[in-house]
Amino acid sequence: MADLIILLPIAYIAILSIPLAITDFQQHRLPNPMTISAILVTGVSLAVLAFTSDTWHRPLTGLLAGFITFIVGFLLAKRDAIGMGDVKLLSSLNAIAGYFSPLLALLSLTAGLVIATLASLVLFFFRRVSLKSSLPLGPYLLLGFLVCVGPSAFSLTAEALS
């Protein structure tokens, strides 16, 4: 039953996803109050799970996935390959996904990038963007996360309610 705590950061990300996506589409940025609060909610939830759950290795795996994501993302951001808002958002998303499975974190990231690529190809085909245009990445990362982690969250919820 302690595993239900992981639903808190998932719900928090789901609630933030609309304002984050709108802001990123309009301003090409992900605001610190939202991304940092997502990291805090995720980190505290995983820390509580590590101390209260029988499967302490799962929350620690999630925290490690988030930490590695932040370090790699920070190095990419220093080279202007990705924005720091995306790095902070991804750190939280991958920490949650990493709780379920480290491979789920990679799958979630891959799904988000594939969705972003397909969207940019459609926009390019209809001449809404050029090869030099920058596109917001946050909405696509959120969509990939929700598509990949959603089934695990629904399964956990259904198990708890039965």
N, C-alpha and C. Protein backbone atom coordinates (compact mmCIF):
# COMPACT_ATOMS: atom_id res chain seq x y z
N MET A 1 0.82 -1.19 0.00
CA MET A 1 0.00 0.00 0.00
C MET A 1 0.87 1.27 0.00
N ALA A 2 2.07 1.16 0.53
CA ALA A 2 2.97 2.32 0.55
C ALA A 2 3.34 2.75 -0.86
N ASP A 3 3.30 1.80 -1.81
CA ASP A 3 3.65 2.12 -3.20
C ASP A 3 2.72 3.16 -3.82
N LEU A 4 1.58 3.38 -3.23
CA LEU A 4 0.64 4.37 -3.78
C LEU A 4 1.18 5.79 -3.72
N ILE A 5 2.19 6.01 -2.90
CA ILE A 5 2.79 7.34 -2.80
C ILE A 5 3.34 7.79 -4.16
N ILE A 6 3.74 6.84 -5.01
CA ILE A 6 4.28 7.21 -6.33
C ILE A 6 3.20 7.87 -7.19
N LEU A 7 1.95 7.65 -6.86
CA LEU A 7 0.87 8.29 -7.63
C LEU A 7 0.83 9.80 -7.41
N LEU A 8 1.35 10.27 -6.28
CA LEU A 8 1.36 11.70 -5.99
C LEU A 8 2.16 12.49 -7.03
N PRO A 9 3.43 12.15 -7.30
CA PRO A 9 4.14 12.92 -8.33
C PRO A 9 3.57 12.72 -9.73
N ILE A 10 3.01 11.55 -10.01
CA ILE A 10 2.39 11.32 -11.32
C ILE A 10 1.20 12.26 -11.49
N ALA A 11 0.37 12.34 -10.46
CA ALA A 11 -0.79 13.23 -10.51
C ALA A 11 -0.33 14.69 -10.61
N TYR A 12 0.72 15.03 -9.89
CA TYR A 12 1.24 16.40 -9.93
C TYR A 12 1.72 16.76 -11.33
N ILE A 13 2.44 15.85 -11.97
CA ILE A 13 2.91 16.07 -13.35
C ILE A 13 1.71 16.18 -14.29
N ALA A 14 0.71 15.33 -14.10
CA ALA A 14 -0.48 15.38 -14.96
C ALA A 14 -1.18 16.74 -14.83
N ILE A 15 -1.27 17.25 -13.61
CA ILE A 15 -1.91 18.55 -13.38
C ILE A 15 -1.08 19.67 -14.02
N LEU A 16 0.23 19.60 -13.88
CA LEU A 16 1.12 20.63 -14.44
C LEU A 16 1.26 20.54 -15.96
N SER A 17 0.92 19.41 -16.54
CA SER A 17 1.22 19.20 -17.96
C SER A 17 0.54 20.22 -18.87
N ILE A 18 -0.69 20.60 -18.58
CA ILE A 18 -1.39 21.58 -19.44
C ILE A 18 -0.72 22.96 -19.35
N PRO A 19 -0.55 23.53 -18.13
CA PRO A 19 0.10 24.84 -18.10
C PRO A 19 1.55 24.81 -18.60
N LEU A 20 2.26 23.71 -18.36
CA LEU A 20 3.63 23.62 -18.88
C LEU A 20 3.63 23.60 -20.40
N ALA A 21 2.74 22.81 -20.99
CA ALA A 21 2.68 22.72 -22.45
C ALA A 21 2.29 24.06 -23.07
N ILE A 22 1.30 24.71 -22.51
CA ILE A 22 0.86 26.01 -23.04
C ILE A 22 2.00 27.03 -22.96
N THR A 23 2.66 27.10 -21.81
CA THR A 23 3.76 28.05 -21.64
C THR A 23 4.90 27.74 -22.60
N ASP A 24 5.22 26.47 -22.77
CA ASP A 24 6.33 26.10 -23.66
C ASP A 24 5.98 26.42 -25.12
N PHE A 25 4.75 26.14 -25.54
CA PHE A 25 4.35 26.47 -26.90
C PHE A 25 4.37 27.99 -27.14
N GLN A 26 3.93 28.76 -26.15
CA GLN A 26 3.84 30.21 -26.33
C GLN A 26 5.19 30.92 -26.14
N GLN A 27 5.95 30.51 -25.12
CA GLN A 27 7.15 31.26 -24.75
C GLN A 27 8.46 30.49 -24.95
N HIS A 28 8.37 29.23 -25.33
CA HIS A 28 9.56 28.38 -25.49
C HIS A 28 10.37 28.32 -24.20
N ARG A 29 9.68 28.16 -23.09
CA ARG A 29 10.35 28.00 -21.79
C ARG A 29 9.44 27.23 -20.85
N LEU A 30 10.07 26.59 -19.89
CA LEU A 30 9.35 25.87 -18.83
C LEU A 30 9.69 26.57 -17.52
N PRO A 31 8.71 27.19 -16.88
CA PRO A 31 8.98 28.02 -15.70
C PRO A 31 9.56 27.22 -14.52
N ASN A 32 10.55 27.82 -13.87
CA ASN A 32 11.19 27.21 -12.71
C ASN A 32 10.22 26.82 -11.61
N PRO A 33 9.25 27.66 -11.24
CA PRO A 33 8.36 27.24 -10.14
C PRO A 33 7.66 25.90 -10.41
N MET A 34 7.35 25.64 -11.67
CA MET A 34 6.68 24.37 -11.98
C MET A 34 7.66 23.21 -12.08
N THR A 35 8.79 23.43 -12.75
CA THR A 35 9.73 22.31 -12.92
C THR A 35 10.44 21.96 -11.61
N ILE A 36 10.81 22.97 -10.85
CA ILE A 36 11.50 22.69 -9.57
C ILE A 36 10.53 22.08 -8.57
N SER A 37 9.27 22.54 -8.56
CA SER A 37 8.31 21.93 -7.64
C SER A 37 8.04 20.47 -8.02
N ALA A 38 8.08 20.17 -9.31
CA ALA A 38 7.90 18.78 -9.75
C ALA A 38 9.07 17.92 -9.26
N ILE A 39 10.28 18.47 -9.32
CA ILE A 39 11.45 17.74 -8.81
C ILE A 39 11.30 17.50 -7.31
N LEU A 40 10.86 18.52 -6.58
CA LEU A 40 10.71 18.39 -5.12
C LEU A 40 9.64 17.36 -4.76
N VAL A 41 8.48 17.44 -5.41
CA VAL A 41 7.40 16.48 -5.12
C VAL A 41 7.87 15.06 -5.44
N THR A 42 8.54 14.91 -6.56
CA THR A 42 9.03 13.59 -6.96
C THR A 42 10.10 13.08 -5.99
N GLY A 43 11.06 13.93 -5.68
CA GLY A 43 12.15 13.53 -4.78
C GLY A 43 11.66 13.16 -3.39
N VAL A 44 10.78 13.97 -2.83
CA VAL A 44 10.25 13.69 -1.49
C VAL A 44 9.43 12.40 -1.51
N SER A 45 8.61 12.23 -2.54
CA SER A 45 7.80 11.01 -2.63
C SER A 45 8.67 9.77 -2.73
N LEU A 46 9.72 9.83 -3.55
CA LEU A 46 10.60 8.67 -3.69
C LEU A 46 11.41 8.43 -2.41
N ALA A 47 11.81 9.50 -1.73
CA ALA A 47 12.53 9.33 -0.46
C ALA A 47 11.63 8.68 0.59
N VAL A 48 10.39 9.13 0.67
CA VAL A 48 9.44 8.52 1.62
C VAL A 48 9.24 7.06 1.27
N LEU A 49 9.09 6.76 -0.01
CA LEU A 49 8.93 5.37 -0.44
C LEU A 49 10.14 4.52 -0.07
N ALA A 50 11.33 5.09 -0.21
CA ALA A 50 12.55 4.34 0.11
C ALA A 50 12.58 3.92 1.58
N PHE A 51 12.03 4.76 2.45
CA PHE A 51 12.04 4.45 3.89
C PHE A 51 10.83 3.65 4.35
N THR A 52 9.75 3.67 3.60
CA THR A 52 8.52 3.02 4.06
C THR A 52 8.16 1.76 3.29
N SER A 53 8.78 1.54 2.15
CA SER A 53 8.41 0.42 1.30
C SER A 53 9.34 -0.77 1.53
N ASP A 54 8.81 -1.95 1.29
CA ASP A 54 9.63 -3.15 1.37
C ASP A 54 10.61 -3.23 0.21
N THR A 55 10.25 -2.59 -0.89
CA THR A 55 11.08 -2.61 -2.08
C THR A 55 11.83 -1.28 -2.20
N TRP A 56 12.74 -1.05 -1.28
CA TRP A 56 13.48 0.22 -1.21
C TRP A 56 14.35 0.47 -2.43
N HIS A 57 14.73 -0.60 -3.14
CA HIS A 57 15.60 -0.42 -4.30
C HIS A 57 14.88 0.28 -5.46
N ARG A 58 13.56 0.13 -5.55
CA ARG A 58 12.82 0.78 -6.65
C ARG A 58 12.85 2.31 -6.53
N PRO A 59 12.55 2.89 -5.35
CA PRO A 59 12.65 4.35 -5.27
C PRO A 59 14.08 4.87 -5.44
N LEU A 60 15.04 4.09 -4.96
CA LEU A 60 16.44 4.52 -5.14
C LEU A 60 16.84 4.47 -6.62
N THR A 61 16.33 3.48 -7.34
CA THR A 61 16.57 3.42 -8.79
C THR A 61 15.97 4.64 -9.47
N GLY A 62 14.77 5.03 -9.04
CA GLY A 62 14.14 6.22 -9.59
C GLY A 62 14.94 7.48 -9.32
N LEU A 63 15.40 7.63 -8.07
CA LEU A 63 16.21 8.80 -7.73
C LEU A 63 17.51 8.81 -8.54
N LEU A 64 18.11 7.65 -8.73
CA LEU A 64 19.34 7.56 -9.52
C LEU A 64 19.06 7.93 -10.98
N ALA A 65 17.95 7.46 -11.53
CA ALA A 65 17.59 7.80 -12.92
C ALA A 65 17.40 9.32 -13.06
N GLY A 66 16.75 9.94 -12.10
CA GLY A 66 16.57 11.39 -12.14
C GLY A 66 17.89 12.13 -12.02
N PHE A 67 18.77 11.65 -11.16
CA PHE A 67 20.09 12.29 -10.97
C PHE A 67 20.94 12.18 -12.22
N ILE A 68 20.99 11.00 -12.81
CA ILE A 68 21.77 10.80 -14.04
C ILE A 68 21.21 11.67 -15.16
N THR A 69 19.88 11.73 -15.25
CA THR A 69 19.24 12.58 -16.25
C THR A 69 19.66 14.03 -16.07
N PHE A 70 19.69 14.49 -14.83
CA PHE A 70 20.06 15.89 -14.58
C PHE A 70 21.51 16.16 -14.99
N ILE A 71 22.41 15.27 -14.63
CA ILE A 71 23.83 15.46 -14.96
C ILE A 71 24.04 15.47 -16.48
N VAL A 72 23.49 14.47 -17.17
CA VAL A 72 23.65 14.41 -18.63
C VAL A 72 22.96 15.62 -19.27
N GLY A 73 21.77 15.96 -18.80
CA GLY A 73 21.05 17.11 -19.34
C GLY A 73 21.78 18.41 -19.11
N PHE A 74 22.38 18.56 -17.94
CA PHE A 74 23.15 19.77 -17.64
C PHE A 74 24.31 19.92 -18.61
N LEU A 75 25.01 18.81 -18.88
CA LEU A 75 26.13 18.84 -19.82
C LEU A 75 25.64 19.19 -21.23
N LEU A 76 24.48 18.67 -21.62
CA LEU A 76 23.92 19.01 -22.93
C LEU A 76 23.47 20.47 -22.97
N ALA A 77 22.92 20.96 -21.88
CA ALA A 77 22.47 22.36 -21.81
C ALA A 77 23.64 23.32 -21.91
N LYS A 78 24.80 22.93 -21.37
CA LYS A 78 25.98 23.78 -21.47
C LYS A 78 26.41 23.96 -22.93
N ARG A 79 26.05 23.01 -23.77
CA ARG A 79 26.38 23.08 -25.20
C ARG A 79 25.19 23.57 -26.02
N ASP A 80 24.16 24.08 -25.34
CA ASP A 80 22.95 24.60 -25.98
C ASP A 80 22.21 23.55 -26.82
N ALA A 81 22.34 22.28 -26.44
CA ALA A 81 21.64 21.22 -27.15
C ALA A 81 20.23 21.01 -26.62
N ILE A 82 19.97 21.50 -25.41
CA ILE A 82 18.67 21.34 -24.76
C ILE A 82 18.55 22.47 -23.73
N GLY A 83 17.34 22.87 -23.43
CA GLY A 83 17.14 23.93 -22.45
C GLY A 83 17.13 23.38 -21.03
N MET A 84 17.49 24.21 -20.07
CA MET A 84 17.51 23.77 -18.67
C MET A 84 16.11 23.46 -18.15
N GLY A 85 15.08 24.10 -18.69
CA GLY A 85 13.72 23.75 -18.29
C GLY A 85 13.39 22.32 -18.67
N ASP A 86 13.81 21.92 -19.87
CA ASP A 86 13.62 20.54 -20.31
C ASP A 86 14.42 19.57 -19.43
N VAL A 87 15.62 19.97 -19.04
CA VAL A 87 16.46 19.13 -18.18
C VAL A 87 15.77 18.90 -16.83
N LYS A 88 15.26 19.98 -16.23
CA LYS A 88 14.60 19.85 -14.93
C LYS A 88 13.33 19.01 -15.04
N LEU A 89 12.55 19.25 -16.10
CA LEU A 89 11.34 18.46 -16.31
C LEU A 89 11.70 16.99 -16.51
N LEU A 90 12.66 16.72 -17.36
CA LEU A 90 13.07 15.34 -17.62
C LEU A 90 13.61 14.64 -16.38
N SER A 91 14.29 15.38 -15.52
CA SER A 91 14.81 14.77 -14.28
C SER A 91 13.67 14.22 -13.45
N SER A 92 12.62 14.99 -13.32
CA SER A 92 11.46 14.53 -12.56
C SER A 92 10.75 13.37 -13.27
N LEU A 93 10.54 13.51 -14.57
CA LEU A 93 9.85 12.46 -15.33
C LEU A 93 10.62 11.14 -15.28
N ASN A 94 11.94 11.21 -15.47
CA ASN A 94 12.73 9.98 -15.48
C ASN A 94 12.88 9.38 -14.09
N ALA A 95 12.82 10.20 -13.05
CA ALA A 95 12.86 9.65 -11.69
C ALA A 95 11.59 8.83 -11.43
N ILE A 96 10.45 9.35 -11.86
CA ILE A 96 9.20 8.61 -11.69
C ILE A 96 9.21 7.34 -12.53
N ALA A 97 9.57 7.48 -13.81
CA ALA A 97 9.59 6.31 -14.70
C ALA A 97 10.62 5.29 -14.22
N GLY A 98 11.76 5.77 -13.72
CA GLY A 98 12.79 4.88 -13.22
C GLY A 98 12.36 4.08 -12.01
N TYR A 99 11.40 4.60 -11.26
CA TYR A 99 10.84 3.86 -10.13
C TYR A 99 10.21 2.55 -10.63
N PHE A 100 9.50 2.63 -11.74
CA PHE A 100 8.86 1.44 -12.29
C PHE A 100 9.87 0.55 -13.00
N SER A 101 10.77 1.17 -13.78
CA SER A 101 11.82 0.43 -14.48
C SER A 101 12.76 1.43 -15.14
N PRO A 102 14.08 1.20 -15.04
CA PRO A 102 15.00 2.10 -15.74
C PRO A 102 14.74 2.12 -17.25
N LEU A 103 14.31 0.99 -17.79
CA LEU A 103 14.00 0.94 -19.22
C LEU A 103 12.78 1.80 -19.56
N LEU A 104 11.86 1.94 -18.61
CA LEU A 104 10.68 2.77 -18.84
C LEU A 104 11.09 4.24 -18.97
N ALA A 105 12.11 4.64 -18.24
CA ALA A 105 12.62 6.01 -18.37
C ALA A 105 13.16 6.24 -19.78
N LEU A 106 13.89 5.28 -20.32
CA LEU A 106 14.40 5.39 -21.69
C LEU A 106 13.27 5.34 -22.71
N LEU A 107 12.30 4.48 -22.47
CA LEU A 107 11.16 4.37 -23.37
C LEU A 107 10.35 5.66 -23.39
N SER A 108 10.15 6.25 -22.22
CA SER A 108 9.40 7.50 -22.11
C SER A 108 10.11 8.62 -22.87
N LEU A 109 11.42 8.73 -22.68
CA LEU A 109 12.21 9.73 -23.40
C LEU A 109 12.15 9.49 -24.90
N THR A 110 12.32 8.24 -25.31
CA THR A 110 12.27 7.91 -26.73
C THR A 110 10.91 8.24 -27.33
N ALA A 111 9.84 7.89 -26.61
CA ALA A 111 8.50 8.19 -27.11
C ALA A 111 8.30 9.69 -27.29
N GLY A 112 8.75 10.47 -26.32
CA GLY A 112 8.63 11.92 -26.41
C GLY A 112 9.39 12.48 -27.60
N LEU A 113 10.59 11.98 -27.82
CA LEU A 113 11.41 12.47 -28.94
C LEU A 113 10.84 12.04 -30.29
N VAL A 114 10.29 10.83 -30.35
CA VAL A 114 9.65 10.37 -31.59
C VAL A 114 8.42 11.21 -31.90
N ILE A 115 7.60 11.48 -30.88
CA ILE A 115 6.42 12.32 -31.07
C ILE A 115 6.83 13.72 -31.53
N ALA A 116 7.88 14.28 -30.93
CA ALA A 116 8.37 15.60 -31.32
C ALA A 116 8.87 15.59 -32.77
N THR A 117 9.56 14.54 -33.15
CA THR A 117 10.06 14.42 -34.51
C THR A 117 8.91 14.34 -35.51
N LEU A 118 7.92 13.52 -35.21
CA LEU A 118 6.77 13.40 -36.12
C LEU A 118 6.01 14.72 -36.23
N ALA A 119 5.84 15.40 -35.10
CA ALA A 119 5.14 16.69 -35.12
C ALA A 119 5.92 17.71 -35.94
N SER A 120 7.25 17.73 -35.80
CA SER A 120 8.03 18.70 -36.57
C SER A 120 8.03 18.36 -38.06
N LEU A 121 7.98 17.08 -38.39
CA LEU A 121 7.89 16.71 -39.81
C LEU A 121 6.57 17.17 -40.41
N VAL A 122 5.49 17.01 -39.68
CA VAL A 122 4.18 17.47 -40.15
C VAL A 122 4.19 18.99 -40.30
N LEU A 123 4.71 19.69 -39.30
CA LEU A 123 4.77 21.15 -39.36
C LEU A 123 5.66 21.61 -40.52
N PHE A 124 6.75 20.91 -40.75
CA PHE A 124 7.65 21.24 -41.85
C PHE A 124 6.97 21.00 -43.19
N PHE A 125 6.27 19.89 -43.29
CA PHE A 125 5.56 19.55 -44.53
C PHE A 125 4.53 20.61 -44.88
N PHE A 126 3.83 21.13 -43.88
CA PHE A 126 2.83 22.17 -44.11
C PHE A 126 3.43 23.58 -44.04
N ARG A 127 4.75 23.66 -44.04
CA ARG A 127 5.49 24.93 -44.08
C ARG A 127 5.16 25.87 -42.92
N ARG A 128 4.92 25.28 -41.74
CA ARG A 128 4.69 26.07 -40.53
C ARG A 128 6.00 26.34 -39.80
N VAL A 129 7.01 25.53 -40.09
CA VAL A 129 8.34 25.72 -39.51
C VAL A 129 9.37 25.50 -40.60
N SER A 130 10.58 25.99 -40.35
CA SER A 130 11.69 25.77 -41.28
C SER A 130 12.74 24.91 -40.59
N LEU A 131 13.79 24.62 -41.30
CA LEU A 131 14.87 23.81 -40.71
C LEU A 131 15.58 24.55 -39.59
N LYS A 132 15.47 25.87 -39.56
CA LYS A 132 16.14 26.66 -38.53
C LYS A 132 15.21 26.99 -37.35
N SER A 133 13.97 26.55 -37.42
CA SER A 133 13.03 26.83 -36.33
C SER A 133 13.36 26.01 -35.10
N SER A 134 13.08 26.59 -33.94
CA SER A 134 13.20 25.82 -32.71
C SER A 134 11.79 25.47 -32.23
N LEU A 135 11.65 24.27 -31.78
CA LEU A 135 10.35 23.79 -31.31
C LEU A 135 10.42 23.52 -29.82
N PRO A 136 9.32 23.75 -29.11
CA PRO A 136 9.32 23.41 -27.69
C PRO A 136 9.34 21.89 -27.53
N LEU A 137 10.15 21.42 -26.60
CA LEU A 137 10.28 19.98 -26.40
C LEU A 137 9.41 19.47 -25.24
N GLY A 138 9.15 20.34 -24.26
CA GLY A 138 8.42 19.94 -23.07
C GLY A 138 7.10 19.23 -23.30
N PRO A 139 6.22 19.76 -24.15
CA PRO A 139 4.93 19.09 -24.36
C PRO A 139 5.08 17.66 -24.87
N TYR A 140 6.06 17.44 -25.72
CA TYR A 140 6.26 16.11 -26.29
C TYR A 140 6.87 15.15 -25.26
N LEU A 141 7.76 15.67 -24.42
CA LEU A 141 8.31 14.85 -23.33
C LEU A 141 7.21 14.45 -22.35
N LEU A 142 6.32 15.40 -22.05
CA LEU A 142 5.19 15.11 -21.15
C LEU A 142 4.27 14.06 -21.76
N LEU A 143 3.97 14.19 -23.04
CA LEU A 143 3.10 13.23 -23.71
C LEU A 143 3.73 11.84 -23.72
N GLY A 144 5.01 11.76 -24.05
CA GLY A 144 5.70 10.47 -24.04
C GLY A 144 5.68 9.84 -22.65
N PHE A 145 5.89 10.68 -21.62
CA PHE A 145 5.85 10.19 -20.24
C PHE A 145 4.47 9.65 -19.88
N LEU A 146 3.44 10.44 -20.16
CA LEU A 146 2.09 10.03 -19.78
C LEU A 146 1.65 8.77 -20.53
N VAL A 147 2.06 8.64 -21.78
CA VAL A 147 1.72 7.44 -22.56
C VAL A 147 2.43 6.21 -21.99
N CYS A 148 3.69 6.37 -21.60
CA CYS A 148 4.49 5.22 -21.13
C CYS A 148 4.25 4.87 -19.67
N VAL A 149 4.09 5.87 -18.82
CA VAL A 149 3.94 5.62 -17.38
C VAL A 149 2.47 5.46 -17.00
N GLY A 150 1.59 6.01 -17.80
CA GLY A 150 0.16 5.94 -17.52
C GLY A 150 -0.35 4.53 -17.23
N PRO A 151 -0.04 3.54 -18.09
CA PRO A 151 -0.52 2.18 -17.81
C PRO A 151 -0.04 1.63 -16.47
N SER A 152 1.19 1.91 -16.08
CA SER A 152 1.70 1.45 -14.79
C SER A 152 0.94 2.12 -13.64
N ALA A 153 0.66 3.40 -13.80
CA ALA A 153 -0.08 4.14 -12.77
C ALA A 153 -1.51 3.61 -12.66
N PHE A 154 -2.14 3.36 -13.82
CA PHE A 154 -3.50 2.82 -13.79
C PHE A 154 -3.53 1.44 -13.16
N SER A 155 -2.53 0.62 -13.46
CA SER A 155 -2.45 -0.73 -12.90
C SER A 155 -2.27 -0.66 -11.39
N LEU A 156 -1.42 0.22 -10.92
CA LEU A 156 -1.19 0.38 -9.48
C LEU A 156 -2.46 0.86 -8.79
N THR A 157 -3.16 1.78 -9.41
CA THR A 157 -4.41 2.30 -8.84
C THR A 157 -5.47 1.20 -8.80
N ALA A 158 -5.62 0.46 -9.86
CA ALA A 158 -6.60 -0.62 -9.92
C ALA A 158 -6.30 -1.70 -8.88
N GLU A 159 -5.02 -2.00 -8.71
CA GLU A 159 -4.61 -3.00 -7.70
C GLU A 159 -4.96 -2.53 -6.30
N ALA A 160 -4.76 -1.25 -6.03
CA ALA A 160 -5.05 -0.72 -4.70
C ALA A 160 -6.55 -0.66 -4.43
N LEU A 161 -7.33 -0.42 -5.47
CA LEU A 161 -8.78 -0.31 -5.28
C LEU A 161 -9.48 -1.66 -5.21
N SER A 162 -8.80 -2.72 -5.66
CA SER A 162 -9.46 -4.03 -5.63
C SER A 162 -9.28 -4.76 -4.32
